Amino acid sequence: IPLDFSINIMELAPKTARPQVEKNLDN
């Protein structure tokens, strides 16, 4: 199981579709 799995309420980084932690960037 990846540590950065996402749920529906999370905003996603546009390029990777992973949870966004900074503007347009995932972890």
PDB file of all heavy atoms in Angstrom:
ATOM      1  N   ILE A   1       0.851  -1.192   0.000  1.00  0.00           N
ATOM      2  CA  ILE A   1       0.000   0.000   0.000  1.00  0.00           C
ATOM      3  C   ILE A   1       0.887   1.242   0.000  1.00  0.00           C
ATOM      4  O   ILE A   1       1.733   1.398   0.883  1.00  0.00           O
ATOM      5  CB  ILE A   1      -0.910   0.023   1.246  1.00  0.00           C
ATOM      6  CG1 ILE A   1      -1.806  -1.223   1.254  1.00  0.00           C
ATOM      7  CG2 ILE A   1      -1.752   1.292   1.276  1.00  0.00           C
ATOM      8  CD1 ILE A   1      -2.625  -1.369   2.522  1.00  0.00           C
ATOM      9  N   PRO A   2       0.756   2.131  -0.996  1.00  0.00           N
ATOM     10  CA  PRO A   2       1.582   3.343  -1.017  1.00  0.00           C
ATOM     11  C   PRO A   2       1.235   4.272   0.139  1.00  0.00           C
ATOM     12  O   PRO A   2       0.079   4.327   0.578  1.00  0.00           O
ATOM     13  CB  PRO A   2       1.236   3.974  -2.376  1.00  0.00           C
ATOM     14  CG  PRO A   2      -0.132   3.462  -2.693  1.00  0.00           C
ATOM     15  CD  PRO A   2      -0.188   2.066  -2.128  1.00  0.00           C
ATOM     16  N   LEU A   3       2.231   4.998   0.631  1.00  0.00           N
ATOM     17  CA  LEU A   3       1.993   5.906   1.751  1.00  0.00           C
ATOM     18  C   LEU A   3       1.171   7.125   1.340  1.00  0.00           C
ATOM     19  O   LEU A   3       0.532   7.752   2.178  1.00  0.00           O
ATOM     20  CB  LEU A   3       3.334   6.369   2.339  1.00  0.00           C
ATOM     21  CG  LEU A   3       4.211   5.280   2.982  1.00  0.00           C
ATOM     22  CD1 LEU A   3       5.441   5.912   3.607  1.00  0.00           C
ATOM     23  CD2 LEU A   3       3.434   4.503   4.029  1.00  0.00           C
ATOM     24  N   ASP A   4       1.229   7.471   0.048  1.00  0.00           N
ATOM     25  CA  ASP A   4       0.499   8.670  -0.405  1.00  0.00           C
ATOM     26  C   ASP A   4      -0.804   8.301  -1.118  1.00  0.00           C
ATOM     27  O   ASP A   4      -1.161   8.917  -2.114  1.00  0.00           O
ATOM     28  CB  ASP A   4       1.379   9.527  -1.307  1.00  0.00           C
ATOM     29  CG  ASP A   4       1.887   8.762  -2.521  1.00  0.00           C
ATOM     30  OD1 ASP A   4       1.809   7.523  -2.515  1.00  0.00           O
ATOM     31  OD2 ASP A   4       2.359   9.410  -3.470  1.00  0.00           O
ATOM     32  N   PHE A   5      -1.509   7.288  -0.605  1.00  0.00           N
ATOM     33  CA  PHE A   5      -2.806   6.954  -1.213  1.00  0.00           C
ATOM     34  C   PHE A   5      -3.780   8.104  -0.944  1.00  0.00           C
ATOM     35  O   PHE A   5      -3.631   8.870   0.008  1.00  0.00           O
ATOM     36  CB  PHE A   5      -3.353   5.627  -0.665  1.00  0.00           C
ATOM     37  CG  PHE A   5      -3.718   5.661   0.788  1.00  0.00           C
ATOM     38  CD1 PHE A   5      -4.994   6.003   1.189  1.00  0.00           C
ATOM     39  CD2 PHE A   5      -2.778   5.344   1.766  1.00  0.00           C
ATOM     40  CE1 PHE A   5      -5.348   6.025   2.527  1.00  0.00           C
ATOM     41  CE2 PHE A   5      -3.111   5.371   3.105  1.00  0.00           C
ATOM     42  CZ  PHE A   5      -4.398   5.721   3.490  1.00  0.00           C
ATOM     43  N   SER A   6      -4.782   8.230  -1.793  1.00  0.00           N
ATOM     44  CA  SER A   6      -5.677   9.391  -1.697  1.00  0.00           C
ATOM     45  C   SER A   6      -7.117   8.952  -1.426  1.00  0.00           C
ATOM     46  O   SER A   6      -7.517   7.834  -1.732  1.00  0.00           O
ATOM     47  CB  SER A   6      -5.628  10.184  -3.001  1.00  0.00           C
ATOM     48  OG  SER A   6      -6.071   9.402  -4.086  1.00  0.00           O
ATOM     49  N   ILE A   7      -7.860   9.874  -0.843  1.00  0.00           N
ATOM     50  CA  ILE A   7      -9.304   9.701  -0.694  1.00  0.00           C
ATOM     51  C   ILE A   7      -9.985  10.880  -1.387  1.00  0.00           C
ATOM     52  O   ILE A   7      -9.345  11.884  -1.723  1.00  0.00           O
ATOM     53  CB  ILE A   7      -9.702   9.620   0.794  1.00  0.00           C
ATOM     54  CG1 ILE A   7      -9.195  10.853   1.562  1.00  0.00           C
ATOM     55  CG2 ILE A   7      -9.194   8.347   1.425  1.00  0.00           C
ATOM     56  CD1 ILE A   7      -9.588  10.850   3.022  1.00  0.00           C
ATOM     57  N   ASN A   8     -11.282  10.790  -1.578  1.00  0.00           N
ATOM     58  CA  ASN A   8     -11.983  11.743  -2.449  1.00  0.00           C
ATOM     59  C   ASN A   8     -11.912  13.197  -1.996  1.00  0.00           C
ATOM     60  O   ASN A   8     -12.019  14.109  -2.811  1.00  0.00           O
ATOM     61  CB  ASN A   8     -13.456  11.332  -2.584  1.00  0.00           C
ATOM     62  CG  ASN A   8     -13.599  10.057  -3.394  1.00  0.00           C
ATOM     63  OD1 ASN A   8     -12.702   9.701  -4.139  1.00  0.00           O
ATOM     64  ND2 ASN A   8     -14.721   9.372  -3.245  1.00  0.00           N
ATOM     65  N   ILE A   9     -11.747  13.450  -0.715  1.00  0.00           N
ATOM     66  CA  ILE A   9     -11.764  14.833  -0.245  1.00  0.00           C
ATOM     67  C   ILE A   9     -10.420  15.534  -0.443  1.00  0.00           C
ATOM     68  O   ILE A   9     -10.302  16.731  -0.216  1.00  0.00           O
ATOM     69  CB  ILE A   9     -12.155  14.902   1.253  1.00  0.00           C
ATOM     70  CG1 ILE A   9     -11.118  14.156   2.108  1.00  0.00           C
ATOM     71  CG2 ILE A   9     -13.563  14.381   1.473  1.00  0.00           C
ATOM     72  CD1 ILE A   9     -11.324  14.347   3.599  1.00  0.00           C
ATOM     73  N   MET A  10      -9.394  14.798  -0.878  1.00  0.00           N
ATOM     74  CA  MET A  10      -8.067  15.388  -1.048  1.00  0.00           C
ATOM     75  C   MET A  10      -7.938  16.085  -2.398  1.00  0.00           C
ATOM     76  O   MET A  10      -8.464  15.610  -3.417  1.00  0.00           O
ATOM     77  CB  MET A  10      -6.981  14.301  -0.955  1.00  0.00           C
ATOM     78  CG  MET A  10      -6.817  13.706   0.421  1.00  0.00           C
ATOM     79  SD  MET A  10      -5.515  12.438   0.424  1.00  0.00           S
ATOM     80  CE  MET A  10      -5.391  12.065   2.159  1.00  0.00           C
ATOM     81  N   GLU A  11      -7.215  17.191  -2.411  1.00  0.00           N
ATOM     82  CA  GLU A  11      -6.893  17.863  -3.664  1.00  0.00           C
ATOM     83  C   GLU A  11      -5.680  17.167  -4.271  1.00  0.00           C
ATOM     84  O   GLU A  11      -4.700  16.878  -3.583  1.00  0.00           O
ATOM     85  CB  GLU A  11      -6.586  19.341  -3.415  1.00  0.00           C
ATOM     86  CG  GLU A  11      -6.395  20.126  -4.703  1.00  0.00           C
ATOM     87  CD  GLU A  11      -6.267  21.622  -4.459  1.00  0.00           C
ATOM     88  OE1 GLU A  11      -6.292  22.033  -3.280  1.00  0.00           O
ATOM     89  OE2 GLU A  11      -6.145  22.368  -5.442  1.00  0.00           O
ATOM     90  N   LEU A  12      -5.752  16.900  -5.578  1.00  0.00           N
ATOM     91  CA  LEU A  12      -4.707  16.136  -6.239  1.00  0.00           C
ATOM     92  C   LEU A  12      -3.807  17.036  -7.082  1.00  0.00           C
ATOM     93  O   LEU A  12      -4.263  18.019  -7.671  1.00  0.00           O
ATOM     94  CB  LEU A  12      -5.324  15.061  -7.138  1.00  0.00           C
ATOM     95  CG  LEU A  12      -6.271  14.059  -6.459  1.00  0.00           C
ATOM     96  CD1 LEU A  12      -6.784  13.051  -7.482  1.00  0.00           C
ATOM     97  CD2 LEU A  12      -5.585  13.343  -5.293  1.00  0.00           C
ATOM     98  N   ALA A  13      -2.524  16.669  -7.145  1.00  0.00           N
ATOM     99  CA  ALA A  13      -1.580  17.369  -8.022  1.00  0.00           C
ATOM    100  C   ALA A  13      -1.958  17.059  -9.468  1.00  0.00           C
ATOM    101  O   ALA A  13      -2.155  15.894  -9.823  1.00  0.00           O
ATOM    102  CB  ALA A  13      -0.155  16.917  -7.738  1.00  0.00           C
ATOM    103  N   PRO A  14      -2.077  18.076 -10.331  1.00  0.00           N
ATOM    104  CA  PRO A  14      -2.583  17.853 -11.687  1.00  0.00           C
ATOM    105  C   PRO A  14      -1.728  16.923 -12.544  1.00  0.00           C
ATOM    106  O   PRO A  14      -2.246  16.210 -13.395  1.00  0.00           O
ATOM    107  CB  PRO A  14      -2.630  19.267 -12.284  1.00  0.00           C
ATOM    108  CG  PRO A  14      -1.732  20.100 -11.425  1.00  0.00           C
ATOM    109  CD  PRO A  14      -1.800  19.497 -10.062  1.00  0.00           C
ATOM    110  N   LYS A  15      -0.399  16.903 -12.348  1.00  0.00           N
ATOM    111  CA  LYS A  15       0.472  16.107 -13.207  1.00  0.00           C
ATOM    112  C   LYS A  15       0.563  14.649 -12.787  1.00  0.00           C
ATOM    113  O   LYS A  15       0.847  13.779 -13.616  1.00  0.00           O
ATOM    114  CB  LYS A  15       1.877  16.712 -13.242  1.00  0.00           C
ATOM    115  CG  LYS A  15       1.961  18.029 -14.011  1.00  0.00           C
ATOM    116  CD  LYS A  15       3.411  18.482 -14.126  1.00  0.00           C
ATOM    117  CE  LYS A  15       3.496  19.769 -14.941  1.00  0.00           C
ATOM    118  NZ  LYS A  15       4.895  20.244 -15.073  1.00  0.00           N
ATOM    119  N   THR A  16       0.358  14.360 -11.515  1.00  0.00           N
ATOM    120  CA  THR A  16       0.563  12.999 -11.026  1.00  0.00           C
ATOM    121  C   THR A  16      -0.682  12.338 -10.461  1.00  0.00           C
ATOM    122  O   THR A  16      -0.687  11.130 -10.240  1.00  0.00           O
ATOM    123  CB  THR A  16       1.652  12.993  -9.916  1.00  0.00           C
ATOM    124  OG1 THR A  16       1.195  13.814  -8.826  1.00  0.00           O
ATOM    125  CG2 THR A  16       2.962  13.535 -10.455  1.00  0.00           C
ATOM    126  N   ALA A  17      -1.733  13.135 -10.185  1.00  0.00           N
ATOM    127  CA  ALA A  17      -2.976  12.626  -9.589  1.00  0.00           C
ATOM    128  C   ALA A  17      -2.742  12.000  -8.219  1.00  0.00           C
ATOM    129  O   ALA A  17      -3.469  11.112  -7.795  1.00  0.00           O
ATOM    130  CB  ALA A  17      -3.659  11.625 -10.526  1.00  0.00           C
ATOM    131  N   ARG A  18      -1.710  12.477  -7.518  1.00  0.00           N
ATOM    132  CA  ARG A  18      -1.441  12.071  -6.146  1.00  0.00           C
ATOM    133  C   ARG A  18      -1.802  13.234  -5.227  1.00  0.00           C
ATOM    134  O   ARG A  18      -1.883  14.393  -5.669  1.00  0.00           O
ATOM    135  CB  ARG A  18       0.034  11.692  -5.945  1.00  0.00           C
ATOM    136  CG  ARG A  18       0.599  10.700  -6.944  1.00  0.00           C
ATOM    137  CD  ARG A  18      -0.177   9.421  -7.023  1.00  0.00           C
ATOM    138  NE  ARG A  18      -0.193   8.679  -5.775  1.00  0.00           N
ATOM    139  CZ  ARG A  18      -0.887   7.568  -5.591  1.00  0.00           C
ATOM    140  NH1 ARG A  18      -1.661   7.102  -6.576  1.00  0.00           N
ATOM    141  NH2 ARG A  18      -0.851   6.938  -4.436  1.00  0.00           N
ATOM    142  N   PRO A  19      -2.017  13.001  -3.935  1.00  0.00           N
ATOM    143  CA  PRO A  19      -2.403  14.082  -3.024  1.00  0.00           C
ATOM    144  C   PRO A  19      -1.428  15.266  -3.070  1.00  0.00           C
ATOM    145  O   PRO A  19      -0.214  15.082  -2.979  1.00  0.00           O
ATOM    146  CB  PRO A  19      -2.386  13.400  -1.656  1.00  0.00           C
ATOM    147  CG  PRO A  19      -2.651  11.977  -1.947  1.00  0.00           C
ATOM    148  CD  PRO A  19      -1.995  11.688  -3.253  1.00  0.00           C
ATOM    149  N   GLN A  20      -1.986  16.450  -3.214  1.00  0.00           N
ATOM    150  CA  GLN A  20      -1.174  17.655  -3.327  1.00  0.00           C
ATOM    151  C   GLN A  20      -0.764  18.164  -1.945  1.00  0.00           C
ATOM    152  O   GLN A  20      -1.587  18.304  -1.053  1.00  0.00           O
ATOM    153  CB  GLN A  20      -1.970  18.730  -4.071  1.00  0.00           C
ATOM    154  CG  GLN A  20      -1.230  20.024  -4.306  1.00  0.00           C
ATOM    155  CD  GLN A  20      -2.013  20.955  -5.208  1.00  0.00           C
ATOM    156  OE1 GLN A  20      -2.054  20.771  -6.420  1.00  0.00           O
ATOM    157  NE2 GLN A  20      -2.666  21.944  -4.623  1.00  0.00           N
ATOM    158  N   VAL A  21       0.538  18.458  -1.777  1.00  0.00           N
ATOM    159  CA  VAL A  21       1.025  18.984  -0.504  1.00  0.00           C
ATOM    160  C   VAL A  21       1.528  20.422  -0.637  1.00  0.00           C
ATOM    161  O   VAL A  21       1.708  21.123   0.344  1.00  0.00           O
ATOM    162  CB  VAL A  21       2.163  18.111   0.073  1.00  0.00           C
ATOM    163  CG1 VAL A  21       1.651  16.732   0.397  1.00  0.00           C
ATOM    164  CG2 VAL A  21       3.338  18.033  -0.892  1.00  0.00           C
ATOM    165  N   GLU A  22       1.788  20.815  -1.864  1.00  0.00           N
ATOM    166  CA  GLU A  22       2.220  22.166  -2.182  1.00  0.00           C
ATOM    167  C   GLU A  22       1.643  22.495  -3.544  1.00  0.00           C
ATOM    168  O   GLU A  22       1.195  21.602  -4.254  1.00  0.00           O
ATOM    169  CB  GLU A  22       3.758  22.243  -2.202  1.00  0.00           C
ATOM    170  CG  GLU A  22       4.318  23.613  -1.910  1.00  0.00           C
ATOM    171  CD  GLU A  22       5.829  23.569  -1.719  1.00  0.00           C
ATOM    172  OE1 GLU A  22       6.269  23.356  -0.582  1.00  0.00           O
ATOM    173  OE2 GLU A  22       6.554  23.744  -2.718  1.00  0.00           O
ATOM    174  N   LYS A  23       1.649  23.750  -3.950  1.00  0.00           N
ATOM    175  CA  LYS A  23       1.008  24.123  -5.198  1.00  0.00           C
ATOM    176  C   LYS A  23       1.482  23.247  -6.364  1.00  0.00           C
ATOM    177  O   LYS A  23       2.645  23.261  -6.748  1.00  0.00           O
ATOM    178  CB  LYS A  23       1.279  25.592  -5.519  1.00  0.00           C
ATOM    179  CG  LYS A  23       0.512  26.082  -6.736  1.00  0.00           C
ATOM    180  CD  LYS A  23       0.740  27.555  -6.979  1.00  0.00           C
ATOM    181  CE  LYS A  23      -0.045  28.024  -8.210  1.00  0.00           C
ATOM    182  NZ  LYS A  23       0.181  29.447  -8.488  1.00  0.00           N
ATOM    183  N   ASN A  24       0.548  22.471  -6.929  1.00  0.00           N
ATOM    184  CA  ASN A  24       0.770  21.598  -8.088  1.00  0.00           C
ATOM    185  C   ASN A  24       1.800  20.495  -7.844  1.00  0.00           C
ATOM    186  O   ASN A  24       2.263  19.858  -8.789  1.00  0.00           O
ATOM    187  CB  ASN A  24       1.202  22.415  -9.317  1.00  0.00           C
ATOM    188  CG  ASN A  24       0.119  23.358  -9.781  1.00  0.00           C
ATOM    189  OD1 ASN A  24      -1.064  23.083  -9.619  1.00  0.00           O
ATOM    190  ND2 ASN A  24       0.512  24.489 -10.357  1.00  0.00           N
ATOM    191  N   LEU A  25       2.176  20.236  -6.594  1.00  0.00           N
ATOM    192  CA  LEU A  25       3.180  19.216  -6.304  1.00  0.00           C
ATOM    193  C   LEU A  25       2.647  18.201  -5.294  1.00  0.00           C
ATOM    194  O   LEU A  25       2.023  18.576  -4.298  1.00  0.00           O
ATOM    195  CB  LEU A  25       4.449  19.845  -5.728  1.00  0.00           C
ATOM    196  CG  LEU A  25       5.284  20.740  -6.637  1.00  0.00           C
ATOM    197  CD1 LEU A  25       6.454  21.319  -5.853  1.00  0.00           C
ATOM    198  CD2 LEU A  25       5.788  19.985  -7.851  1.00  0.00           C
ATOM    199  N   ASP A  26       2.908  16.921  -5.574  1.00  0.00           N
ATOM    200  CA  ASP A  26       2.614  15.894  -4.578  1.00  0.00           C
ATOM    201  C   ASP A  26       3.853  15.712  -3.690  1.00  0.00           C
ATOM    202  O   ASP A  26       4.890  16.359  -3.893  1.00  0.00           O
ATOM    203  CB  ASP A  26       2.190  14.583  -5.241  1.00  0.00           C
ATOM    204  CG  ASP A  26       3.283  13.971  -6.106  1.00  0.00           C
ATOM    205  OD1 ASP A  26       4.438  14.447  -6.050  1.00  0.00           O
ATOM    206  OD2 ASP A  26       2.994  13.016  -6.837  1.00  0.00           O
ATOM    207  N   ASN A  27       3.748  14.831  -2.719  1.00  0.00           N
ATOM    208  CA  ASN A  27       4.842  14.656  -1.769  1.00  0.00           C
ATOM    209  C   ASN A  27       6.119  14.182  -2.455  1.00  0.00           C
ATOM    210  O   ASN A  27       7.215  14.656  -2.150  1.00  0.00           O
ATOM    211  CB  ASN A  27       4.431  13.647  -0.692  1.00  0.00           C
ATOM    212  CG  ASN A  27       4.936  14.045   0.676  1.00  0.00           C
ATOM    213  OD1 ASN A  27       6.033  14.574   0.805  1.00  0.00           O
ATOM    214  ND2 ASN A  27       4.132  13.789   1.699  1.00  0.00           N
TER     215      ASN A  27
END
